[in-house]
């Protein structure tokens, strides 16, 4: 009987989650976001700022400002799902239509699958390197541990948010301890070099400083889009401000620490790769193992929190799959992205270009969602409206061309300069969407119940 109930729960897991069925406390939510925001990319981004000539104070402020802006965006876009219990895939239907929502849902889901495979390969490599550090050089170890690591992740993914919650709680503690240890190493073993290379320079408050703010903001814009996939699991009784504090505590201090640690390690050793830089700083197995454990937990928590949920919900919604089936397919597709190729130096430029191109669509999608929820619906979602979003033949059926046209134009604007695309494309997209909704005859059914309904 329990198996039948579990199957029913999985089959309907994109349905609104009732407030009494939610499993995430404020603390668990904080730990989940902490684990999800930690990545090797943030360390590398910190080291990359040395080329821009920033000093330690400027780097600190750039990371602080960029990550704070990101948190504000998350706190705004989590509200629909926290109130209704519906996921990002359903939220999109209110703006894009039941068929049109397929476009933005896969724009968010495809990169997640690619990064899922990429980070799983890094995690498997880290496990293999721990064995090698102790003299156990296993033939085809990279491949073996990659497959084993992925199987563990798929298994945890089948547990739904319970698996992500468990990994977030444990991983957040491990990651925090490892992060503080790496900071301790920088300050105690390399302070003279850090002082000369990061504190003893004038730096700049010009465009390199602005570019650093944008870089650290853009590093995690993916999760800003589907923030509702997590807030729908948070228990009732937390205001937007209280949830915002949770996001801030989870993401901002960790991002600031990681950015500064990456910069300090690079400035002390001259090695751009932060993992190799730590090994150069202190040639010991303990440092190597701590660093590699940090990588493993960072990849595991990020994958379960940020890279499995969006595409899984997309498959469940579009293809009417059960949760278990969806996460298994996502795991298989992640392997099919051939991450061992993507991690090669020769593939780095292509991966960076892919990242910049899909990021140009994120600002426009975010602009449509925020305009629709805050301006057109004034944060009021009735039960009848929510029910209609699950009705393929309801008022929101088909495609809302105002939203599709808006994100297409916004993406084109963003692609002119992908490094600042979020900021250049957001306002034009919002205006195009608003006036399209107001004037296009095809949007008549989507105007019902909004401020444009006459």
Protein backbone atom coordinates (compact mmCIF):
# COMPACT_ATOMS: atom_id res chain seq x y z
CA UNK A 1 0.00 0.00 0.00
CA UNK A 2 2.88 2.38 0.80
CA UNK A 3 4.36 1.76 -2.65
CA UNK A 4 1.06 2.76 -4.25
CA UNK A 5 0.96 5.96 -2.20
CA UNK A 6 4.55 6.76 -3.14
CA UNK A 7 3.77 6.27 -6.82
CA UNK A 8 0.78 8.59 -6.55
CA UNK A 9 2.88 11.19 -4.76
CA UNK A 10 5.57 10.99 -7.44
CA UNK A 11 3.05 11.20 -10.26
CA UNK A 12 1.53 14.36 -8.86
CA UNK A 13 4.68 16.03 -7.53
CA UNK A 14 4.32 19.08 -9.78
CA UNK A 15 0.90 19.65 -8.20
CA UNK A 16 0.74 22.40 -5.55
CA UNK A 17 2.26 21.31 -2.25
CA UNK A 18 -0.06 21.95 0.66
CA UNK A 19 1.37 24.00 3.49
CA UNK A 20 1.03 21.14 5.96
CA UNK A 21 3.01 18.81 3.66
CA UNK A 22 6.10 21.00 3.26
CA UNK A 23 9.34 19.64 4.70
CA UNK A 24 11.87 22.50 4.70
CA UNK A 25 12.42 24.51 7.88
CA UNK A 26 14.14 27.90 7.76
CA UNK A 27 17.41 26.26 8.77
CA UNK A 28 17.17 23.44 6.23
CA UNK A 29 16.37 25.97 3.51
CA UNK A 30 19.46 27.97 4.46
CA UNK A 31 21.70 24.91 4.36
CA UNK A 32 20.24 23.78 1.02
CA UNK A 33 21.00 27.13 -0.58
CA UNK A 34 24.45 27.18 1.00
CA UNK A 35 25.31 23.83 -0.56
CA UNK A 36 23.74 24.82 -3.86
CA UNK A 37 25.70 28.07 -4.27
CA UNK A 38 29.13 26.58 -3.54
CA UNK A 39 31.04 25.75 -6.70
CA UNK A 40 34.57 25.56 -8.02
CA UNK A 41 33.54 28.21 -10.53
CA UNK A 42 33.25 30.79 -7.76
CA UNK A 43 36.81 30.03 -6.62
CA UNK A 44 38.03 30.36 -10.19
CA UNK A 45 36.11 33.59 -10.67
CA UNK A 46 37.87 35.07 -7.65
CA UNK A 47 41.27 34.23 -9.09
CA UNK A 48 40.22 35.64 -12.48
CA UNK A 49 39.73 39.10 -10.95
CA UNK A 50 43.49 39.46 -10.46
CA UNK A 51 43.80 40.10 -14.19
CA UNK A 52 41.41 43.04 -13.78
CA UNK A 53 43.70 44.69 -11.22
CA UNK A 54 41.34 44.71 -8.25
CA UNK A 55 42.72 44.89 -4.73
CA UNK A 56 41.33 42.85 -1.84
CA UNK A 57 38.88 45.55 -0.66
CA UNK A 58 37.51 46.09 -4.15
CA UNK A 59 37.15 42.36 -4.69
CA UNK A 60 35.34 42.02 -1.35
CA UNK A 61 32.86 44.79 -2.23
CA UNK A 62 32.33 43.50 -5.78
CA UNK A 63 31.41 40.02 -4.54
CA UNK A 64 29.26 41.45 -1.74
CA UNK A 65 27.29 43.74 -4.07
CA UNK A 66 26.92 41.17 -6.88
CA UNK A 67 25.73 38.35 -4.63
CA UNK A 68 23.38 40.67 -2.72
CA UNK A 69 21.68 41.75 -5.97
CA UNK A 70 21.26 38.06 -6.79
CA UNK A 71 19.64 37.39 -3.41
CA UNK A 72 17.16 40.23 -3.98
CA UNK A 73 16.19 38.66 -7.31
CA UNK A 74 15.70 35.25 -5.68
CA UNK A 75 13.59 36.74 -2.87
CA UNK A 76 11.35 38.39 -5.47
CA UNK A 77 10.92 35.38 -7.73
CA UNK A 78 10.31 32.81 -4.98
CA UNK A 79 7.01 34.36 -3.93
CA UNK A 80 4.64 32.78 -6.47
CA UNK A 81 5.65 29.25 -5.53
CA UNK A 82 5.83 29.91 -1.80
CA UNK A 83 2.26 31.21 -1.85
CA UNK A 84 0.80 28.60 -4.22
CA UNK A 85 3.05 25.56 -3.72
CA UNK A 86 3.39 25.19 -7.50
CA UNK A 87 6.81 24.76 -9.20
CA UNK A 88 8.63 26.95 -11.73
CA UNK A 89 7.26 24.91 -14.65
CA UNK A 90 3.71 25.88 -13.62
CA UNK A 91 4.65 29.48 -12.77
CA UNK A 92 5.78 29.91 -16.37
CA UNK A 93 2.33 28.96 -17.70
CA UNK A 94 0.79 32.09 -16.22
CA UNK A 95 3.05 34.24 -18.41
CA UNK A 96 3.84 32.02 -21.41
CA UNK A 97 0.81 29.72 -21.69
CA UNK A 98 0.52 25.96 -21.24
CA UNK A 99 2.38 25.30 -24.51
CA UNK A 100 4.57 28.39 -24.62
CA UNK A 101 6.05 27.56 -21.21
CA UNK A 102 7.96 24.69 -22.84
CA UNK A 103 10.42 27.24 -24.29
CA UNK A 104 11.64 28.86 -21.04
CA UNK A 105 11.41 25.64 -19.04
CA UNK A 106 13.88 23.93 -21.36
CA UNK A 107 16.07 27.04 -21.62
CA UNK A 108 16.57 26.59 -17.87
CA UNK A 109 16.70 22.77 -17.95
CA UNK A 110 19.21 22.15 -20.74
CA UNK A 111 22.16 23.99 -19.13
CA UNK A 112 21.39 22.23 -15.85
CA UNK A 113 21.84 18.83 -17.53
CA UNK A 114 25.15 19.92 -19.06
CA UNK A 115 26.45 21.21 -15.72
CA UNK A 116 25.15 18.10 -13.98
CA UNK A 117 27.42 15.93 -16.12
CA UNK A 118 30.33 18.38 -15.94
CA UNK A 119 30.29 18.59 -12.16
CA UNK A 120 29.77 14.85 -11.74
CA UNK A 121 32.96 14.25 -13.73
CA UNK A 122 34.80 16.69 -11.44
CA UNK A 123 33.43 14.87 -8.39
CA UNK A 124 34.46 11.46 -9.75
CA UNK A 125 37.91 12.83 -10.56
CA UNK A 126 38.25 14.15 -7.01
CA UNK A 127 37.37 10.73 -5.55
CA UNK A 128 39.93 9.07 -7.81
CA UNK A 129 42.60 11.58 -6.78
CA UNK A 130 42.00 10.84 -3.09
CA UNK A 131 42.80 7.17 -3.77
CA UNK A 132 45.86 8.18 -5.78
CA UNK A 133 47.07 10.38 -2.91
CA UNK A 134 47.34 7.24 -0.80
CA UNK A 135 49.08 5.21 -3.48
CA UNK A 136 46.03 3.44 -4.93
CA UNK A 137 46.19 4.16 -8.65
CA UNK A 138 43.15 2.30 -9.99
CA UNK A 139 43.04 1.54 -13.71
CA UNK A 140 40.25 3.54 -15.37
CA UNK A 141 39.59 5.05 -11.94
CA UNK A 142 38.25 8.31 -13.40
CA UNK A 143 35.59 6.43 -15.32
CA UNK A 144 34.72 4.04 -12.50
CA UNK A 145 34.30 6.75 -9.87
CA UNK A 146 32.43 8.98 -12.30
CA UNK A 147 29.86 6.22 -12.87
CA UNK A 148 29.63 5.37 -9.15
CA UNK A 149 29.28 9.04 -8.20
CA UNK A 150 26.50 9.46 -10.75
CA UNK A 151 24.66 6.36 -9.52
CA UNK A 152 24.75 7.72 -5.96
CA UNK A 153 23.38 11.06 -7.17
CA UNK A 154 20.60 9.41 -9.17
CA UNK A 155 19.64 7.32 -6.14
CA UNK A 156 19.52 10.41 -3.90
CA UNK A 157 17.55 12.25 -6.58
CA UNK A 158 14.84 9.58 -6.53
CA UNK A 159 14.23 10.52 -2.89
CA UNK A 160 12.97 13.90 -4.06
CA UNK A 161 13.49 16.88 -1.82
CA UNK A 162 14.20 14.59 1.12
CA UNK A 163 17.45 13.60 -0.61
CA UNK A 164 18.35 17.19 -1.46
CA UNK A 165 17.52 18.27 2.10
CA UNK A 166 19.72 15.55 3.61
CA UNK A 167 22.67 16.36 1.36
CA UNK A 168 22.17 20.09 1.96
CA UNK A 169 22.24 19.72 5.74
CA UNK A 170 25.30 17.44 5.80
CA UNK A 171 27.08 19.02 2.85
CA UNK A 172 26.61 22.54 4.19
CA UNK A 173 28.48 21.66 7.36
CA UNK A 174 31.32 19.85 5.53
CA UNK A 175 31.66 22.64 2.96
CA UNK A 176 31.72 25.37 5.63
CA UNK A 177 34.45 23.60 7.64
CA UNK A 178 36.55 22.97 4.53
CA UNK A 179 36.08 26.55 3.34
CA UNK A 180 37.21 28.00 6.69
CA UNK A 181 40.21 25.68 6.69
CA UNK A 182 41.25 26.86 3.21
CA UNK A 183 40.89 30.47 4.36
CA UNK A 184 43.06 29.66 7.39
CA UNK A 185 45.75 28.23 5.10
CA UNK A 186 45.77 31.37 2.97
CA UNK A 187 46.08 33.72 5.95
CA UNK A 188 48.67 31.73 7.92
CA UNK A 189 50.98 30.46 5.17
CA UNK A 190 50.79 33.10 2.45
CA UNK A 191 49.99 36.39 4.17
CA UNK A 192 53.15 38.20 3.02
CA UNK A 193 52.46 37.42 -0.65
CA UNK A 194 48.76 38.24 -0.27
CA UNK A 195 49.55 41.53 1.45
CA UNK A 196 51.93 42.55 -1.32
CA UNK A 197 49.83 41.39 -4.27
CA UNK A 198 46.30 42.22 -3.10
CA UNK A 199 46.57 44.81 -0.33
CA UNK A 200 49.59 46.71 -1.56
CA UNK A 201 48.07 47.77 -4.89
CA UNK A 202 45.87 50.74 -5.69
CA UNK A 203 43.38 48.76 -7.75
CA UNK A 204 40.56 50.36 -9.70
CA UNK A 205 36.99 51.52 -9.10
CA UNK A 206 36.26 51.76 -12.84
CA UNK A 207 34.76 49.27 -15.30
CA UNK A 208 36.80 46.29 -14.04
CA UNK A 209 35.13 46.78 -10.65
CA UNK A 210 31.68 46.98 -12.28
CA UNK A 211 32.48 43.92 -14.41
CA UNK A 212 33.40 41.98 -11.26
CA UNK A 213 30.05 42.86 -9.68
CA UNK A 214 28.23 41.61 -12.77
CA UNK A 215 30.36 38.46 -12.91
CA UNK A 216 29.55 37.42 -9.35
CA UNK A 217 25.90 38.29 -9.85
CA UNK A 218 25.72 36.25 -13.05
CA UNK A 219 27.48 33.24 -11.55
CA UNK A 220 24.22 31.87 -10.07
CA UNK A 221 21.44 33.51 -12.08
CA UNK A 222 20.21 30.06 -13.10
CA UNK A 223 18.76 29.38 -9.64
CA UNK A 224 17.14 32.83 -9.59
CA UNK A 225 14.76 31.70 -12.33
CA UNK A 226 13.48 28.55 -10.64
CA UNK A 227 13.74 29.76 -7.03
CA UNK A 228 10.14 28.66 -6.61
CA UNK A 229 11.12 25.00 -6.99
CA UNK A 230 12.71 25.30 -3.55
CA UNK A 231 10.42 27.81 -1.82
CA UNK A 232 7.37 25.57 -2.46
CA UNK A 233 8.95 23.08 -0.05
CA UNK A 234 9.46 25.67 2.73
CA UNK A 235 7.05 25.48 5.65
CA UNK A 236 4.38 28.13 6.15
CA UNK A 237 4.86 31.21 8.29
CA UNK A 238 8.02 32.77 6.86
CA UNK A 239 7.62 36.24 5.33
CA UNK A 240 9.46 37.35 2.20
CA UNK A 241 11.91 39.25 4.39
CA UNK A 242 12.62 36.24 6.59
CA UNK A 243 13.17 34.03 3.55
CA UNK A 244 15.38 36.75 2.09
CA UNK A 245 17.54 36.65 5.22
CA UNK A 246 17.85 32.88 4.74
CA UNK A 247 19.06 33.36 1.16
CA UNK A 248 21.44 36.12 2.22
CA UNK A 249 23.03 34.10 5.03
CA UNK A 250 23.33 31.05 2.81
CA UNK A 251 24.77 32.69 -0.29
CA UNK A 252 26.47 36.01 0.37
CA UNK A 253 29.05 35.12 3.06
CA UNK A 254 29.95 31.88 1.27
CA UNK A 255 30.31 33.58 -2.11
CA UNK A 256 32.41 36.38 -0.61
CA UNK A 257 34.66 33.86 1.15
CA UNK A 258 35.07 31.69 -1.95
CA UNK A 259 35.83 34.66 -4.20
CA UNK A 260 38.44 36.01 -1.82
CA UNK A 261 39.99 32.59 -1.15
CA UNK A 262 40.35 31.98 -4.89
CA UNK A 263 42.00 35.37 -5.37
CA UNK A 264 44.33 34.95 -2.40
CA UNK A 265 45.46 31.47 -3.45
CA UNK A 266 46.14 32.65 -6.99
CA UNK A 267 47.98 35.80 -5.90
CA UNK A 268 50.20 33.78 -3.55
CA UNK A 269 51.16 31.05 -6.01
CA UNK A 270 50.62 32.52 -9.47
CA UNK A 271 48.54 29.42 -10.34
CA UNK A 272 45.12 30.25 -11.83
CA UNK A 273 43.50 26.89 -11.04
CA UNK A 274 42.52 27.25 -7.36
CA UNK A 275 42.73 23.52 -6.62
CA UNK A 276 46.27 23.30 -7.96
CA UNK A 277 47.09 26.54 -6.17
CA UNK A 278 46.29 25.05 -2.77
CA UNK A 279 48.47 22.07 -3.47
CA UNK A 280 51.31 24.46 -4.38
CA UNK A 281 50.81 26.40 -1.15
CA UNK A 282 51.15 23.45 1.21
CA UNK A 283 52.42 20.16 -0.18
CA UNK A 284 50.59 17.80 2.15
CA UNK A 285 48.10 14.99 1.80
CA UNK A 286 45.84 16.60 4.40
CA UNK A 287 45.44 19.77 2.30
CA UNK A 288 44.87 17.70 -0.80
CA UNK A 289 42.24 15.48 0.84
CA UNK A 290 40.41 18.44 2.43
CA UNK A 291 40.36 20.25 -0.91
CA UNK A 292 39.15 17.17 -2.77
CA UNK A 293 36.44 16.47 -0.16
CA UNK A 294 35.33 20.08 -0.60
CA UNK A 295 35.04 19.47 -4.36
CA UNK A 296 33.05 16.25 -3.89
CA UNK A 297 30.52 17.76 -1.48
CA UNK A 298 30.26 20.96 -3.53
CA UNK A 299 29.46 19.03 -6.71
CA UNK A 300 27.00 16.72 -4.92
CA UNK A 301 25.06 19.49 -3.18
CA UNK A 302 25.03 21.75 -6.23
CA UNK A 303 23.84 18.99 -8.54
CA UNK A 304 20.98 17.84 -6.29
CA UNK A 305 19.87 21.37 -5.45
CA UNK A 306 20.38 23.18 -8.76
CA UNK A 307 20.91 20.78 -11.66
CA UNK A 308 18.48 17.88 -11.15
CA UNK A 309 15.27 19.60 -10.09
CA UNK A 310 14.72 22.02 -13.05
CA UNK A 311 15.00 19.48 -15.90
CA UNK A 312 13.20 16.80 -13.87
CA UNK A 313 10.19 19.08 -13.33
CA UNK A 314 10.34 19.99 -17.03
CA UNK A 315 10.09 16.34 -18.09
CA UNK A 316 7.37 15.67 -15.53
CA UNK A 317 5.29 18.56 -16.82
CA UNK A 318 5.84 18.22 -20.56
CA UNK A 319 5.95 14.42 -20.87
CA UNK A 320 3.77 13.63 -17.80
CA UNK A 321 6.50 11.47 -16.27
CA UNK A 322 6.75 10.22 -12.73
CA UNK A 323 9.41 11.82 -10.56
CA UNK A 324 11.57 8.70 -10.34
CA UNK A 325 11.55 8.22 -14.12
CA UNK A 326 12.36 11.88 -14.75
CA UNK A 327 15.41 12.04 -12.45
CA UNK A 328 16.81 8.79 -13.86
CA UNK A 329 16.49 10.12 -17.43
CA UNK A 330 18.11 13.42 -16.39
CA UNK A 331 20.99 11.46 -14.86
CA UNK A 332 21.47 9.41 -18.03
CA UNK A 333 21.33 12.53 -20.23
CA UNK A 334 23.97 14.17 -18.03
CA UNK A 335 26.33 11.29 -18.82
CA UNK A 336 25.49 11.63 -22.52
CA UNK A 337 26.80 15.23 -22.53
CA UNK A 338 30.32 13.69 -22.49
CA UNK A 339 31.67 15.79 -19.60
CA UNK A 340 35.16 14.26 -20.03
CA UNK A 341 35.31 16.24 -23.27
CA UNK A 342 33.90 19.43 -21.75
CA UNK A 343 36.58 19.43 -19.03
CA UNK A 344 39.41 19.45 -21.58
CA UNK A 345 41.30 22.72 -21.98
CA UNK A 346 40.47 22.69 -25.70
CA UNK A 347 36.75 22.73 -24.86
CA UNK A 348 36.90 25.56 -22.34
CA UNK A 349 36.22 28.32 -24.87
CA UNK A 350 33.21 26.51 -26.29
CA UNK A 351 31.76 25.84 -22.84
CA UNK A 352 32.24 29.49 -21.89
CA UNK A 353 30.47 30.60 -25.08
CA UNK A 354 27.59 28.19 -24.41
CA UNK A 355 27.25 29.63 -20.89
CA UNK A 356 27.16 33.20 -22.14
CA UNK A 357 24.58 32.45 -24.84
CA UNK A 358 22.04 30.74 -22.56
CA UNK A 359 22.59 33.36 -19.85
CA UNK A 360 21.40 36.02 -22.31
CA UNK A 361 17.93 34.43 -22.14
CA UNK A 362 17.74 34.39 -18.33
CA UNK A 363 17.31 38.13 -17.82
CA UNK A 364 14.38 38.33 -20.28
CA UNK A 365 12.61 35.31 -18.72
CA UNK A 366 13.08 36.80 -15.26
CA UNK A 367 11.71 40.15 -16.49
CA UNK A 368 8.55 38.51 -17.85
CA UNK A 369 7.92 36.57 -14.62
CA UNK A 370 8.41 39.59 -12.37
CA UNK A 371 6.29 41.89 -14.56
CA UNK A 372 3.49 39.36 -14.71
CA UNK A 373 3.41 38.55 -10.99
CA UNK A 374 4.07 41.96 -9.44
CA UNK A 375 2.55 44.38 -11.97
CA UNK A 376 -0.14 42.50 -13.89
CA UNK A 377 -1.37 40.24 -11.06
CA UNK A 378 -0.23 42.40 -8.13
CA UNK A 379 0.87 39.28 -6.24
CA UNK A 380 -2.72 37.99 -6.05
CA UNK A 381 -3.15 34.40 -7.23
CA UNK A 382 -6.66 33.05 -6.70
CA UNK A 383 -7.46 29.37 -6.34
CA UNK A 384 -9.34 29.47 -9.64
CA UNK A 385 -6.32 30.99 -11.42
CA UNK A 386 -3.97 28.37 -9.98
CA UNK A 387 -6.35 25.58 -11.00
CA UNK A 388 -6.52 27.04 -14.51
CA UNK A 389 -2.72 26.79 -14.89
CA UNK A 390 -3.06 23.01 -14.66
CA UNK A 391 -5.84 22.94 -17.26
CA UNK A 392 -4.51 22.39 -20.79
CA UNK A 393 -7.78 23.80 -22.19
CA UNK A 394 -8.19 26.71 -19.76
CA UNK A 395 -7.72 30.45 -20.13
CA UNK A 396 -3.92 30.01 -20.29
CA UNK A 397 -3.91 27.35 -22.99
CA UNK A 398 -1.58 27.57 -25.94
CA UNK A 399 1.12 30.20 -26.37
CA UNK A 400 1.24 33.74 -25.06
CA UNK A 401 3.07 35.40 -27.93
CA UNK A 402 3.63 38.60 -25.98
CA UNK A 403 5.97 36.68 -23.65
CA UNK A 404 7.70 34.75 -26.44
CA UNK A 405 8.32 37.89 -28.50
CA UNK A 406 9.53 39.77 -25.42
CA UNK A 407 12.17 37.19 -24.45
CA UNK A 408 13.28 36.81 -28.09
CA UNK A 409 13.87 40.57 -28.45
CA UNK A 410 15.42 40.73 -24.99
CA UNK A 411 17.82 37.89 -25.83
CA UNK A 412 18.90 39.62 -29.04
CA UNK A 413 19.62 42.79 -27.06
CA UNK A 414 21.53 40.77 -24.49
CA UNK A 415 23.64 38.98 -27.08
CA UNK A 416 25.16 42.30 -28.18
CA UNK A 417 27.13 42.19 -24.94
CA UNK A 418 26.63 38.90 -23.12
CA UNK A 419 28.74 40.00 -20.15
CA UNK A 420 26.10 42.54 -19.09
CA UNK A 421 23.09 40.99 -20.84
CA UNK A 422 20.98 40.65 -17.70
CA UNK A 423 21.03 44.38 -17.08
CA UNK A 424 20.70 45.57 -20.69
CA UNK A 425 17.85 43.21 -21.60
CA UNK A 426 15.66 43.20 -18.49
CA UNK A 427 13.87 46.55 -18.78
CA UNK A 428 13.27 46.39 -22.58
CA UNK A 429 11.85 42.88 -22.16
CA UNK A 430 9.53 43.99 -19.38
CA UNK A 431 8.21 46.91 -21.47
CA UNK A 432 7.68 44.76 -24.58
CA UNK A 433 5.84 42.15 -22.54
CA UNK A 434 3.64 44.70 -20.76
CA UNK A 435 2.57 46.57 -23.89
CA UNK A 436 2.23 43.31 -25.84
CA UNK A 437 -0.14 42.05 -23.16
CA UNK A 438 -2.04 45.32 -23.33
CA UNK A 439 -2.44 45.60 -27.09
CA UNK A 440 -2.13 42.19 -28.76
CA UNK A 441 -5.57 40.61 -29.49
CA UNK A 442 -4.13 37.11 -29.00
CA UNK A 443 -3.43 37.97 -25.34
CA UNK A 444 -7.09 38.54 -24.46
CA UNK A 445 -7.47 35.38 -22.37
CA UNK A 446 -4.17 36.03 -20.58
CA UNK A 447 -5.38 39.52 -19.55
CA UNK A 448 -8.26 38.11 -17.55
CA UNK A 449 -7.82 38.76 -13.84
CA UNK A 450 -4.90 41.17 -14.39
CA UNK A 451 -4.69 44.96 -14.09
CA UNK A 452 -5.22 45.05 -17.89
CA UNK A 453 -8.60 43.30 -17.68
CA UNK A 454 -11.36 45.70 -18.74
